[in-house]
Amino acid sequence: MRTERNLTRRLDRVFARLDREPERPAHIDVPRMSRHRVVLFSATLAFYLAIVWAVVTTSWLVRLDWQVMFFRPYQQWPEIHAFLDYYVVLGQRGPTAVMVAAWLGWRSWRQHTLRPLLTLATSLLLLNITVGAAKLGMGRLGPHYATAIGSNEMGLGGDIFPSGHTANAVVTWGILAYLASTPTARRWLSALSAVTSLGVGLTTVYLGTHWLSDVLLGWAAGLLILLALPWFEPLIAKAELWLFDLRDRLRARRGLPAPEPAVPVTPVLLGPRNLPAEQPTPAREPVASTRSSRGLAHLAPGPHTARSERTPVTPAGSRRPPHADRLPRGTSQPARPLTGG
């Protein structure tokens, strides 16, 4: 019986904390297009154009692509082939989008905001437009469909350049770092997404589905999207307001009551500074002394009473003897008459 009661109390505490989730965390800052980010965006764009120029002109990078392809890594290390067949799924658009959307959808529900899901949708839309246009525009064939040794294989109707798996891994897992709520979480998630996307890109080279230059361009394409997202934050905010307004209009048309806004949890200072000087101290209302109310009293969302608001209670059976000359705390001691000696 005691074990069941403890389990019930723990579950009550968990659900009470879920109910106390604020409407939107006030400490989360929306990323802005700072000067540092503009410099990184410009450098990444220059790297992107350099890779494209190196492949178009059939430079040393194309020769390196053919050397890696003839090396055939999947034949050199066949023991890791089965593992990498599953690992490369971390860059496949369908499964990764479902996993990340489920996590961001839970965050949107908890924080009563659509920004995480709208940011993910914006990044995936930019990914499909930019990477898809580059693939179709350059038309490069993959290693398995190469026709002439040493050629850049461009303009032949392919869709391999840049690597979609690599760019998708950079954007999908990098969006978690972009939406992180603390600087520490942002650093750890940035490192984790970088390692994951690096592994996905090298896995496609190992499996022989992409040239090495495809992977380099895919990394740059995904990073450009993440760096450019602050430019789309005003559009995301307008879309969120429009969707909430549409929801309220549909609820009003159906005759449903409008949802009550969540009350953000604000810290309550313990002390007499909470009460204005001109207002009297309110009397504390009696609370039923039941076991269930005591168990969840510390989780109530309302403000707690300060020590100065509580009615002083004299303990019964006090052993301290009464003193006639003792005055209550807070009253001034009357002046004693001076007698001449």
C-alpha atoms as a PDB file:
ATOM      1  CA  MET A   1       0.000   0.000   0.000  1.00  0.00           C
ATOM      2  CA  ARG A   2       2.783   2.426   0.850  1.00  0.00           C
ATOM      3  CA  THR A   3       4.491   1.744  -2.479  1.00  0.00           C
ATOM      4  CA  GLU A   4       1.280   2.472  -4.398  1.00  0.00           C
ATOM      5  CA  ARG A   5       0.763   5.712  -2.475  1.00  0.00           C
ATOM      6  CA  ASN A   6       4.322   6.846  -3.199  1.00  0.00           C
ATOM      7  CA  LEU A   7       3.879   6.056  -6.885  1.00  0.00           C
ATOM      8  CA  THR A   8       0.588   7.969  -6.975  1.00  0.00           C
ATOM      9  CA  ARG A   9       2.169  10.993  -5.323  1.00  0.00           C
ATOM     10  CA  ARG A  10       5.055  10.986  -7.798  1.00  0.00           C
ATOM     11  CA  LEU A  11       2.666  10.834 -10.748  1.00  0.00           C
ATOM     12  CA  ASP A  12       0.625  13.690  -9.273  1.00  0.00           C
ATOM     13  CA  ARG A  13       3.780  15.771  -8.993  1.00  0.00           C
ATOM     14  CA  VAL A  14       4.736  15.050 -12.610  1.00  0.00           C
ATOM     15  CA  PHE A  15       1.302  16.056 -13.935  1.00  0.00           C
ATOM     16  CA  ALA A  16       1.259  19.131 -11.730  1.00  0.00           C
ATOM     17  CA  ARG A  17       4.569  20.233 -13.232  1.00  0.00           C
ATOM     18  CA  LEU A  18       3.160  19.694 -16.714  1.00  0.00           C
ATOM     19  CA  ASP A  19       0.223  21.943 -15.851  1.00  0.00           C
ATOM     20  CA  ARG A  20       2.616  24.634 -14.638  1.00  0.00           C
ATOM     21  CA  GLU A  21       4.469  24.898 -17.947  1.00  0.00           C
ATOM     22  CA  PRO A  22       4.663  28.586 -18.942  1.00  0.00           C
ATOM     23  CA  GLU A  23       3.172  29.930 -22.129  1.00  0.00           C
ATOM     24  CA  ARG A  24       6.529  30.708 -23.647  1.00  0.00           C
ATOM     25  CA  PRO A  25       9.926  30.749 -21.945  1.00  0.00           C
ATOM     26  CA  ALA A  26      10.981  34.359 -21.579  1.00  0.00           C
ATOM     27  CA  HIS A  27      14.712  33.566 -21.525  1.00  0.00           C
ATOM     28  CA  ILE A  28      14.797  32.125 -25.052  1.00  0.00           C
ATOM     29  CA  ASP A  29      16.200  34.695 -27.454  1.00  0.00           C
ATOM     30  CA  VAL A  30      15.311  34.504 -31.130  1.00  0.00           C
ATOM     31  CA  PRO A  31      18.578  34.388 -33.123  1.00  0.00           C
ATOM     32  CA  ARG A  32      19.345  37.556 -35.036  1.00  0.00           C
ATOM     33  CA  MET A  33      21.443  38.101 -38.142  1.00  0.00           C
ATOM     34  CA  SER A  34      24.493  39.441 -36.335  1.00  0.00           C
ATOM     35  CA  ARG A  35      27.723  40.570 -37.972  1.00  0.00           C
ATOM     36  CA  HIS A  36      29.437  37.335 -36.956  1.00  0.00           C
ATOM     37  CA  ARG A  37      26.695  35.290 -38.599  1.00  0.00           C
ATOM     38  CA  VAL A  38      26.892  37.390 -41.770  1.00  0.00           C
ATOM     39  CA  VAL A  39      30.634  36.751 -41.960  1.00  0.00           C
ATOM     40  CA  LEU A  40      30.096  32.993 -41.571  1.00  0.00           C
ATOM     41  CA  PHE A  41      27.355  33.050 -44.190  1.00  0.00           C
ATOM     42  CA  SER A  42      29.607  34.894 -46.648  1.00  0.00           C
ATOM     43  CA  ALA A  43      32.520  32.516 -46.040  1.00  0.00           C
ATOM     44  CA  THR A  44      30.281  29.456 -46.486  1.00  0.00           C
ATOM     45  CA  LEU A  45      28.823  30.897 -49.677  1.00  0.00           C
ATOM     46  CA  ALA A  46      32.343  31.496 -51.030  1.00  0.00           C
ATOM     47  CA  PHE A  47      33.254  27.884 -50.186  1.00  0.00           C
ATOM     48  CA  TYR A  48      30.082  26.685 -51.946  1.00  0.00           C
ATOM     49  CA  LEU A  49      30.929  28.591 -55.126  1.00  0.00           C
ATOM     50  CA  ALA A  50      34.545  27.403 -54.999  1.00  0.00           C
ATOM     51  CA  ILE A  51      33.448  23.752 -54.890  1.00  0.00           C
ATOM     52  CA  VAL A  52      31.093  24.280 -57.828  1.00  0.00           C
ATOM     53  CA  TRP A  53      33.832  26.027 -59.839  1.00  0.00           C
ATOM     54  CA  ALA A  54      36.347  23.268 -59.047  1.00  0.00           C
ATOM     55  CA  VAL A  55      33.967  20.606 -60.355  1.00  0.00           C
ATOM     56  CA  VAL A  56      32.836  22.564 -63.416  1.00  0.00           C
ATOM     57  CA  THR A  57      36.444  23.164 -64.515  1.00  0.00           C
ATOM     58  CA  THR A  58      37.404  19.493 -63.870  1.00  0.00           C
ATOM     59  CA  SER A  59      40.179  20.438 -61.460  1.00  0.00           C
ATOM     60  CA  TRP A  60      42.145  18.362 -58.953  1.00  0.00           C
ATOM     61  CA  LEU A  61      38.947  17.850 -56.940  1.00  0.00           C
ATOM     62  CA  VAL A  62      37.408  15.799 -59.740  1.00  0.00           C
ATOM     63  CA  ARG A  63      40.580  13.686 -59.974  1.00  0.00           C
ATOM     64  CA  LEU A  64      40.337  13.099 -56.210  1.00  0.00           C
ATOM     65  CA  ASP A  65      36.717  12.007 -56.671  1.00  0.00           C
ATOM     66  CA  TRP A  66      37.779   9.333 -59.140  1.00  0.00           C
ATOM     67  CA  GLN A  67      40.659   8.156 -56.962  1.00  0.00           C
ATOM     68  CA  VAL A  68      38.328   7.657 -53.989  1.00  0.00           C
ATOM     69  CA  MET A  69      35.816   5.881 -56.208  1.00  0.00           C
ATOM     70  CA  PHE A  70      38.472   3.453 -57.541  1.00  0.00           C
ATOM     71  CA  PHE A  71      39.676   2.859 -53.984  1.00  0.00           C
ATOM     72  CA  ARG A  72      36.212   1.396 -53.208  1.00  0.00           C
ATOM     73  CA  PRO A  73      36.049   1.850 -49.415  1.00  0.00           C
ATOM     74  CA  TYR A  74      33.154  -0.604 -49.106  1.00  0.00           C
ATOM     75  CA  GLN A  75      35.536  -3.336 -50.329  1.00  0.00           C
ATOM     76  CA  GLN A  76      38.428  -2.220 -48.117  1.00  0.00           C
ATOM     77  CA  TRP A  77      36.373  -2.352 -44.886  1.00  0.00           C
ATOM     78  CA  PRO A  78      33.455  -4.713 -45.500  1.00  0.00           C
ATOM     79  CA  GLU A  79      32.960  -5.449 -41.785  1.00  0.00           C
ATOM     80  CA  ILE A  80      31.281  -2.069 -41.154  1.00  0.00           C
ATOM     81  CA  HIS A  81      29.055  -2.194 -44.214  1.00  0.00           C
ATOM     82  CA  ALA A  82      25.985  -3.503 -42.349  1.00  0.00           C
ATOM     83  CA  PHE A  83      26.212  -0.827 -39.644  1.00  0.00           C
ATOM     84  CA  LEU A  84      26.651   2.027 -42.130  1.00  0.00           C
ATOM     85  CA  ASP A  85      23.647   0.841 -44.120  1.00  0.00           C
ATOM     86  CA  TYR A  86      21.531   1.757 -41.086  1.00  0.00           C
ATOM     87  CA  TYR A  87      23.559   4.798 -40.082  1.00  0.00           C
ATOM     88  CA  VAL A  88      23.004   6.513 -43.420  1.00  0.00           C
ATOM     89  CA  VAL A  89      19.272   6.645 -42.601  1.00  0.00           C
ATOM     90  CA  LEU A  90      20.114   9.560 -40.274  1.00  0.00           C
ATOM     91  CA  GLY A  91      20.452  11.643 -43.428  1.00  0.00           C
ATOM     92  CA  GLN A  92      17.338  10.375 -45.189  1.00  0.00           C
ATOM     93  CA  ARG A  93      14.689  13.068 -45.312  1.00  0.00           C
ATOM     94  CA  GLY A  94      11.588  11.062 -44.424  1.00  0.00           C
ATOM     95  CA  PRO A  95      12.655   9.284 -41.198  1.00  0.00           C
ATOM     96  CA  THR A  96      14.667  12.213 -39.857  1.00  0.00           C
ATOM     97  CA  ALA A  97      11.897  14.735 -40.523  1.00  0.00           C
ATOM     98  CA  VAL A  98       9.371  12.538 -38.698  1.00  0.00           C
ATOM     99  CA  MET A  99      11.633  12.107 -35.643  1.00  0.00           C
ATOM    100  CA  VAL A 100      12.574  15.775 -35.361  1.00  0.00           C
ATOM    101  CA  ALA A 101       9.001  16.942 -36.060  1.00  0.00           C
ATOM    102  CA  ALA A 102       7.702  14.685 -33.255  1.00  0.00           C
ATOM    103  CA  TRP A 103      10.151  16.204 -30.770  1.00  0.00           C
ATOM    104  CA  LEU A 104       9.499  19.796 -31.887  1.00  0.00           C
ATOM    105  CA  GLY A 105       5.745  19.164 -31.902  1.00  0.00           C
ATOM    106  CA  TRP A 106       5.929  18.102 -28.261  1.00  0.00           C
ATOM    107  CA  ARG A 107       7.898  21.269 -27.488  1.00  0.00           C
ATOM    108  CA  SER A 108       5.316  23.389 -29.317  1.00  0.00           C
ATOM    109  CA  TRP A 109       2.507  21.831 -27.279  1.00  0.00           C
ATOM    110  CA  ARG A 110       4.371  22.312 -24.009  1.00  0.00           C
ATOM    111  CA  GLN A 111       5.343  25.924 -24.685  1.00  0.00           C
ATOM    112  CA  HIS A 112       2.100  26.934 -26.463  1.00  0.00           C
ATOM    113  CA  THR A 113       3.981  28.238 -29.494  1.00  0.00           C
ATOM    114  CA  LEU A 114       4.241  27.135 -33.107  1.00  0.00           C
ATOM    115  CA  ARG A 115       7.727  28.552 -33.666  1.00  0.00           C
ATOM    116  CA  PRO A 116       9.632  25.204 -33.447  1.00  0.00           C
ATOM    117  CA  LEU A 117       7.430  23.515 -36.043  1.00  0.00           C
ATOM    118  CA  LEU A 118       7.306  26.571 -38.294  1.00  0.00           C
ATOM    119  CA  THR A 119      11.091  26.906 -38.155  1.00  0.00           C
ATOM    120  CA  LEU A 120      11.505  23.257 -39.124  1.00  0.00           C
ATOM    121  CA  ALA A 121       9.031  23.650 -41.989  1.00  0.00           C
ATOM    122  CA  THR A 122      10.840  26.777 -43.226  1.00  0.00           C
ATOM    123  CA  SER A 123      14.232  25.083 -43.164  1.00  0.00           C
ATOM    124  CA  LEU A 124      12.976  21.995 -45.009  1.00  0.00           C
ATOM    125  CA  LEU A 125      11.271  24.188 -47.605  1.00  0.00           C
ATOM    126  CA  LEU A 126      14.491  26.116 -48.194  1.00  0.00           C
ATOM    127  CA  LEU A 127      16.386  22.822 -48.376  1.00  0.00           C
ATOM    128  CA  ASN A 128      14.075  21.390 -51.040  1.00  0.00           C
ATOM    129  CA  ILE A 129      14.176  24.558 -53.125  1.00  0.00           C
ATOM    130  CA  THR A 130      17.906  25.301 -53.030  1.00  0.00           C
ATOM    131  CA  VAL A 131      19.331  21.784 -53.086  1.00  0.00           C
ATOM    132  CA  GLY A 132      16.725  20.538 -55.536  1.00  0.00           C
ATOM    133  CA  ALA A 133      17.399  23.403 -57.944  1.00  0.00           C
ATOM    134  CA  ALA A 134      21.172  22.815 -57.733  1.00  0.00           C
ATOM    135  CA  LYS A 135      20.753  19.085 -58.373  1.00  0.00           C
ATOM    136  CA  LEU A 136      18.584  19.567 -61.447  1.00  0.00           C
ATOM    137  CA  GLY A 137      20.564  22.546 -62.712  1.00  0.00           C
ATOM    138  CA  MET A 138      23.979  20.846 -62.693  1.00  0.00           C
ATOM    139  CA  GLY A 139      22.727  17.358 -63.590  1.00  0.00           C
ATOM    140  CA  ARG A 140      25.779  15.416 -62.395  1.00  0.00           C
ATOM    141  CA  LEU A 141      25.829  11.629 -62.502  1.00  0.00           C
ATOM    142  CA  GLY A 142      26.856   9.536 -59.477  1.00  0.00           C
ATOM    143  CA  PRO A 143      29.819   7.144 -59.236  1.00  0.00           C
ATOM    144  CA  HIS A 144      27.677   4.112 -60.114  1.00  0.00           C
ATOM    145  CA  TYR A 145      26.528   5.765 -63.369  1.00  0.00           C
ATOM    146  CA  ALA A 146      29.821   7.398 -64.454  1.00  0.00           C
ATOM    147  CA  THR A 147      30.524   7.102 -68.162  1.00  0.00           C
ATOM    148  CA  ALA A 148      33.976   8.640 -68.830  1.00  0.00           C
ATOM    149  CA  ILE A 149      36.929   8.272 -66.465  1.00  0.00           C
ATOM    150  CA  GLY A 150      38.215  11.649 -65.313  1.00  0.00           C
ATOM    151  CA  SER A 151      35.089  13.528 -66.405  1.00  0.00           C
ATOM    152  CA  ASN A 152      33.072  15.710 -64.059  1.00  0.00           C
ATOM    153  CA  GLU A 153      29.885  13.950 -65.289  1.00  0.00           C
ATOM    154  CA  MET A 154      27.878  17.173 -65.294  1.00  0.00           C
ATOM    155  CA  GLY A 155      24.944  18.107 -67.529  1.00  0.00           C
ATOM    156  CA  LEU A 156      23.992  14.477 -68.104  1.00  0.00           C
ATOM    157  CA  GLY A 157      20.617  14.458 -66.347  1.00  0.00           C
ATOM    158  CA  GLY A 158      21.807  13.275 -62.927  1.00  0.00           C
ATOM    159  CA  ASP A 159      20.705  14.542 -59.531  1.00  0.00           C
ATOM    160  CA  ILE A 160      23.664  13.753 -57.279  1.00  0.00           C
ATOM    161  CA  PHE A 161      25.402  17.109 -56.841  1.00  0.00           C
ATOM    162  CA  PRO A 162      25.172  18.312 -54.035  1.00  0.00           C
ATOM    163  CA  SER A 163      24.545  15.406 -51.657  1.00  0.00           C
ATOM    164  CA  GLY A 164      20.968  15.554 -50.411  1.00  0.00           C
ATOM    165  CA  HIS A 165      21.665  13.137 -47.544  1.00  0.00           C
ATOM    166  CA  THR A 166      24.450  15.356 -46.218  1.00  0.00           C
ATOM    167  CA  ALA A 167      22.540  18.620 -46.552  1.00  0.00           C
ATOM    168  CA  ASN A 168      19.468  17.079 -44.940  1.00  0.00           C
ATOM    169  CA  ALA A 169      21.521  15.788 -41.997  1.00  0.00           C
ATOM    170  CA  VAL A 170      23.046  19.235 -41.464  1.00  0.00           C
ATOM    171  CA  VAL A 171      19.661  21.000 -41.516  1.00  0.00           C
ATOM    172  CA  THR A 172      17.509  18.446 -39.704  1.00  0.00           C
ATOM    173  CA  TRP A 173      19.824  17.834 -36.759  1.00  0.00           C
ATOM    174  CA  GLY A 174      21.202  21.369 -36.774  1.00  0.00           C
ATOM    175  CA  ILE A 175      17.719  22.807 -36.278  1.00  0.00           C
ATOM    176  CA  LEU A 176      17.726  21.265 -32.791  1.00  0.00           C
ATOM    177  CA  ALA A 177      20.787  23.331 -31.913  1.00  0.00           C
ATOM    178  CA  TYR A 178      19.252  26.416 -33.527  1.00  0.00           C
ATOM    179  CA  LEU A 179      16.141  26.083 -31.321  1.00  0.00           C
ATOM    180  CA  ALA A 180      18.010  25.170 -28.128  1.00  0.00           C
ATOM    181  CA  SER A 181      16.875  27.074 -25.038  1.00  0.00           C
ATOM    182  CA  THR A 182      20.260  27.501 -23.335  1.00  0.00           C
ATOM    183  CA  PRO A 183      23.777  28.297 -24.618  1.00  0.00           C
ATOM    184  CA  THR A 184      25.125  25.058 -23.132  1.00  0.00           C
ATOM    185  CA  ALA A 185      22.507  22.954 -24.920  1.00  0.00           C
ATOM    186  CA  ARG A 186      23.175  24.875 -28.127  1.00  0.00           C
ATOM    187  CA  ARG A 187      26.897  24.095 -27.988  1.00  0.00           C
ATOM    188  CA  TRP A 188      26.394  20.397 -27.286  1.00  0.00           C
ATOM    189  CA  LEU A 189      23.710  19.996 -29.932  1.00  0.00           C
ATOM    190  CA  SER A 190      25.816  21.883 -32.478  1.00  0.00           C
ATOM    191  CA  ALA A 191      28.725  19.510 -31.900  1.00  0.00           C
ATOM    192  CA  LEU A 192      26.429  16.474 -32.049  1.00  0.00           C
ATOM    193  CA  SER A 193      24.758  17.594 -35.289  1.00  0.00           C
ATOM    194  CA  ALA A 194      28.151  18.365 -36.859  1.00  0.00           C
ATOM    195  CA  VAL A 195      29.484  14.900 -36.031  1.00  0.00           C
ATOM    196  CA  THR A 196      26.269  13.238 -37.239  1.00  0.00           C
ATOM    197  CA  SER A 197      26.211  15.077 -40.567  1.00  0.00           C
ATOM    198  CA  LEU A 198      29.950  14.460 -41.053  1.00  0.00           C
ATOM    199  CA  GLY A 199      29.400  10.740 -40.498  1.00  0.00           C
ATOM    200  CA  VAL A 200      26.434  10.650 -42.892  1.00  0.00           C
ATOM    201  CA  GLY A 201      28.437  12.377 -45.644  1.00  0.00           C
ATOM    202  CA  LEU A 202      31.421  10.057 -45.306  1.00  0.00           C
ATOM    203  CA  THR A 203      29.073   7.063 -45.214  1.00  0.00           C
ATOM    204  CA  THR A 204      27.672   7.971 -48.629  1.00  0.00           C
ATOM    205  CA  VAL A 205      31.239   8.121 -49.970  1.00  0.00           C
ATOM    206  CA  TYR A 206      31.959   4.734 -48.366  1.00  0.00           C
ATOM    207  CA  LEU A 207      28.886   3.184 -49.966  1.00  0.00           C
ATOM    208  CA  GLY A 208      29.833   4.640 -53.357  1.00  0.00           C
ATOM    209  CA  THR A 209      26.589   6.593 -53.827  1.00  0.00           C
ATOM    210  CA  HIS A 210      28.252  10.044 -53.858  1.00  0.00           C
ATOM    211  CA  TRP A 211      31.462  11.686 -54.954  1.00  0.00           C
ATOM    212  CA  LEU A 212      33.544  13.348 -52.268  1.00  0.00           C
ATOM    213  CA  SER A 213      32.819  16.755 -53.800  1.00  0.00           C
ATOM    214  CA  ASP A 214      29.083  16.032 -53.539  1.00  0.00           C
ATOM    215  CA  VAL A 215      29.486  15.694 -49.784  1.00  0.00           C
ATOM    216  CA  LEU A 216      31.522  18.898 -49.472  1.00  0.00           C
ATOM    217  CA  LEU A 217      28.859  20.850 -51.355  1.00  0.00           C
ATOM    218  CA  GLY A 218      26.094  19.214 -49.290  1.00  0.00           C
ATOM    219  CA  TRP A 219      27.718  20.377 -46.047  1.00  0.00           C
ATOM    220  CA  ALA A 220      27.963  23.915 -47.382  1.00  0.00           C
ATOM    221  CA  ALA A 221      24.361  23.886 -48.661  1.00  0.00           C
ATOM    222  CA  GLY A 222      22.962  22.766 -45.310  1.00  0.00           C
ATOM    223  CA  LEU A 223      25.059  25.243 -43.349  1.00  0.00           C
ATOM    224  CA  LEU A 224      23.900  28.114 -45.570  1.00  0.00           C
ATOM    225  CA  ILE A 225      20.276  27.335 -44.696  1.00  0.00           C
ATOM    226  CA  LEU A 226      20.959  27.275 -40.947  1.00  0.00           C
ATOM    227  CA  LEU A 227      22.897  30.538 -41.105  1.00  0.00           C
ATOM    228  CA  ALA A 228      20.156  32.256 -43.134  1.00  0.00           C
ATOM    229  CA  LEU A 229      17.263  31.283 -40.830  1.00  0.00           C
ATOM    230  CA  PRO A 230      17.312  34.530 -38.767  1.00  0.00           C
ATOM    231  CA  TRP A 231      16.308  36.417 -41.927  1.00  0.00           C
ATOM    232  CA  PHE A 232      13.059  34.404 -41.915  1.00  0.00           C
ATOM    233  CA  GLU A 233      12.221  34.867 -38.217  1.00  0.00           C
ATOM    234  CA  PRO A 234       9.855  37.852 -38.841  1.00  0.00           C
ATOM    235  CA  LEU A 235       7.976  35.781 -41.433  1.00  0.00           C
ATOM    236  CA  ILE A 236       7.766  32.865 -38.981  1.00  0.00           C
ATOM    237  CA  ALA A 237       6.359  35.169 -36.281  1.00  0.00           C
ATOM    238  CA  LYS A 238       3.707  36.537 -38.670  1.00  0.00           C
ATOM    239  CA  ALA A 239       2.735  33.014 -39.727  1.00  0.00           C
ATOM    240  CA  GLU A 240       2.363  31.984 -36.078  1.00  0.00           C
ATOM    241  CA  LEU A 241       0.073  34.934 -35.310  1.00  0.00           C
ATOM    242  CA  TRP A 242      -1.998  34.219 -38.421  1.00  0.00           C
ATOM    243  CA  LEU A 243      -2.439  30.540 -37.491  1.00  0.00           C
ATOM    244  CA  PHE A 244      -3.486  31.369 -33.933  1.00  0.00           C
ATOM    245  CA  ASP A 245      -5.949  33.953 -35.235  1.00  0.00           C
ATOM    246  CA  LEU A 246      -7.342  31.400 -37.690  1.00  0.00           C
ATOM    247  CA  ARG A 247      -7.760  28.902 -34.851  1.00  0.00           C
ATOM    248  CA  ASP A 248      -9.672  31.418 -32.741  1.00  0.00           C
ATOM    249  CA  ARG A 249     -11.966  32.310 -35.637  1.00  0.00           C
ATOM    250  CA  LEU A 250     -12.740  28.646 -36.331  1.00  0.00           C
ATOM    251  CA  ARG A 251     -13.499  28.036 -32.653  1.00  0.00           C
ATOM    252  CA  ALA A 252     -15.755  31.071 -32.544  1.00  0.00           C
ATOM    253  CA  ARG A 253     -17.581  29.896 -35.681  1.00  0.00           C
ATOM    254  CA  ARG A 254     -18.255  26.528 -34.054  1.00  0.00           C
ATOM    255  CA  GLY A 255     -19.402  28.156 -30.851  1.00  0.00           C
ATOM    256  CA  LEU A 256     -16.512  26.869 -28.785  1.00  0.00           C
ATOM    257  CA  PRO A 257     -15.000  29.002 -26.040  1.00  0.00           C
ATOM    258  CA  ALA A 258     -11.639  30.597 -26.738  1.00  0.00           C
ATOM    259  CA  PRO A 259      -8.712  28.870 -24.996  1.00  0.00           C
ATOM    260  CA  GLU A 260      -7.518  30.628 -21.890  1.00  0.00           C
ATOM    261  CA  PRO A 261      -3.972  31.931 -22.142  1.00  0.00           C
ATOM    262  CA  ALA A 262      -1.491  30.179 -19.930  1.00  0.00           C
ATOM    263  CA  VAL A 263      -0.251  32.205 -16.988  1.00  0.00           C
ATOM    264  CA  PRO A 264       3.550  32.426 -16.960  1.00  0.00           C
ATOM    265  CA  VAL A 265       5.196  31.350 -13.760  1.00  0.00           C
ATOM    266  CA  THR A 266       6.882  34.329 -12.129  1.00  0.00           C
ATOM    267  CA  PRO A 267       9.121  34.056  -9.096  1.00  0.00           C
ATOM    268  CA  VAL A 268       7.606  35.349  -5.857  1.00  0.00           C
ATOM    269  CA  LEU A 269       9.929  37.206  -3.522  1.00  0.00           C
ATOM    270  CA  LEU A 270       9.592  36.160   0.076  1.00  0.00           C
ATOM    271  CA  GLY A 271       9.529  39.199   2.290  1.00  0.00           C
ATOM    272  CA  PRO A 272       7.603  42.351   3.080  1.00  0.00           C
ATOM    273  CA  ARG A 273       8.637  43.939  -0.249  1.00  0.00           C
ATOM    274  CA  ASN A 274       5.823  42.077  -2.027  1.00  0.00           C
ATOM    275  CA  LEU A 275       3.129  44.225  -0.373  1.00  0.00           C
ATOM    276  CA  PRO A 276       2.667  47.934  -0.981  1.00  0.00           C
ATOM    277  CA  ALA A 277       3.100  50.150   2.019  1.00  0.00           C
ATOM    278  CA  GLU A 278      -0.395  51.619   1.896  1.00  0.00           C
ATOM    279  CA  GLN A 279      -2.250  48.266   1.788  1.00  0.00           C
ATOM    280  CA  PRO A 280      -2.945  46.322   4.974  1.00  0.00           C
ATOM    281  CA  THR A 281      -1.683  42.804   5.411  1.00  0.00           C
ATOM    282  CA  PRO A 282      -4.341  40.353   4.190  1.00  0.00           C
ATOM    283  CA  ALA A 283      -5.514  37.671   6.552  1.00  0.00           C
ATOM    284  CA  ARG A 284      -4.673  34.113   5.622  1.00  0.00           C
ATOM    285  CA  GLU A 285      -7.601  31.942   4.710  1.00  0.00           C
ATOM    286  CA  PRO A 286      -7.943  28.612   6.488  1.00  0.00           C
ATOM    287  CA  VAL A 287      -6.868  25.606   4.462  1.00  0.00           C
ATOM    288  CA  ALA A 288      -8.256  22.141   4.934  1.00  0.00           C
ATOM    289  CA  SER A 289      -5.652  19.879   6.458  1.00  0.00           C
ATOM    290  CA  THR A 290      -6.064  16.879   4.189  1.00  0.00           C
ATOM    291  CA  ARG A 291      -3.237  14.618   3.141  1.00  0.00           C
ATOM    292  CA  SER A 292      -3.818  15.153  -0.593  1.00  0.00           C
ATOM    293  CA  SER A 293      -3.760  18.955  -0.350  1.00  0.00           C
ATOM    294  CA  ARG A 294      -0.569  18.903   1.693  1.00  0.00           C
ATOM    295  CA  GLY A 295       1.074  16.620  -0.824  1.00  0.00           C
ATOM    296  CA  LEU A 296       0.572  19.050  -3.730  1.00  0.00           C
ATOM    297  CA  ALA A 297       0.689  22.372  -1.912  1.00  0.00           C
ATOM    298  CA  HIS A 298       4.251  23.092  -3.007  1.00  0.00           C
ATOM    299  CA  LEU A 299       3.277  22.562  -6.640  1.00  0.00           C
ATOM    300  CA  ALA A 300       0.373  25.014  -6.747  1.00  0.00           C
ATOM    301  CA  PRO A 301       0.809  27.638  -9.454  1.00  0.00           C
ATOM    302  CA  GLY A 302      -0.443  30.496  -7.245  1.00  0.00           C
ATOM    303  CA  PRO A 303       1.852  32.748  -5.214  1.00  0.00           C
ATOM    304  CA  HIS A 304       2.929  31.544  -1.808  1.00  0.00           C
ATOM    305  CA  THR A 305       2.246  33.624   1.282  1.00  0.00           C
ATOM    306  CA  ALA A 306       5.213  35.451   2.659  1.00  0.00           C
ATOM    307  CA  ARG A 307       6.298  35.007   6.244  1.00  0.00           C
ATOM    308  CA  SER A 308       5.134  38.525   7.076  1.00  0.00           C
ATOM    309  CA  GLU A 309       1.614  37.662   5.819  1.00  0.00           C
ATOM    310  CA  ARG A 310       1.118  34.734   8.165  1.00  0.00           C
ATOM    311  CA  THR A 311      -0.862  35.229  11.360  1.00  0.00           C
ATOM    312  CA  PRO A 312       1.359  34.666  14.387  1.00  0.00           C
ATOM    313  CA  VAL A 313       0.232  31.790  16.541  1.00  0.00           C
ATOM    314  CA  THR A 314       1.293  31.414  20.158  1.00  0.00           C
ATOM    315  CA  PRO A 315       2.122  27.786  20.905  1.00  0.00           C
ATOM    316  CA  ALA A 316      -0.034  26.178  23.543  1.00  0.00           C
ATOM    317  CA  GLY A 317       1.578  25.249  26.819  1.00  0.00           C
ATOM    318  CA  SER A 318       4.434  27.739  26.551  1.00  0.00           C
ATOM    319  CA  ARG A 319       6.846  27.517  29.451  1.00  0.00           C
ATOM    320  CA  ARG A 320       7.921  31.156  29.203  1.00  0.00           C
ATOM    321  CA  PRO A 321       6.517  33.151  32.141  1.00  0.00           C
ATOM    322  CA  PRO A 322       4.490  36.233  31.297  1.00  0.00           C
ATOM    323  CA  HIS A 323       6.099  39.630  31.746  1.00  0.00           C
ATOM    324  CA  ALA A 324       3.990  42.684  32.330  1.00  0.00           C
ATOM    325  CA  ASP A 325       6.585  45.051  30.973  1.00  0.00           C
ATOM    326  CA  ARG A 326       7.092  43.104  27.691  1.00  0.00           C
ATOM    327  CA  LEU A 327       5.535  44.758  24.650  1.00  0.00           C
ATOM    328  CA  PRO A 328       4.595  43.200  21.333  1.00  0.00           C
ATOM    329  CA  ARG A 329       7.187  43.307  18.559  1.00  0.00           C
ATOM    330  CA  GLY A 330       6.951  46.372  16.350  1.00  0.00           C
ATOM    331  CA  THR A 331       5.732  48.832  19.057  1.00  0.00           C
ATOM    332  CA  SER A 332       7.956  51.574  20.379  1.00  0.00           C
ATOM    333  CA  GLN A 333       9.107  51.576  23.959  1.00  0.00           C
ATOM    334  CA  PRO A 334       7.490  54.518  25.882  1.00  0.00           C
ATOM    335  CA  ALA A 335       9.860  57.045  27.345  1.00  0.00           C
ATOM    336  CA  ARG A 336      10.480  56.659  31.048  1.00  0.00           C
ATOM    337  CA  PRO A 337      10.130  59.766  33.262  1.00  0.00           C
ATOM    338  CA  LEU A 338      13.373  61.187  34.487  1.00  0.00           C
ATOM    339  CA  THR A 339      13.660  61.482  38.240  1.00  0.00           C
ATOM    340  CA  GLY A 340      16.219  63.673  39.846  1.00  0.00           C
ATOM    341  CA  GLY A 341      18.656  61.955  42.240  1.00  0.00           C
END
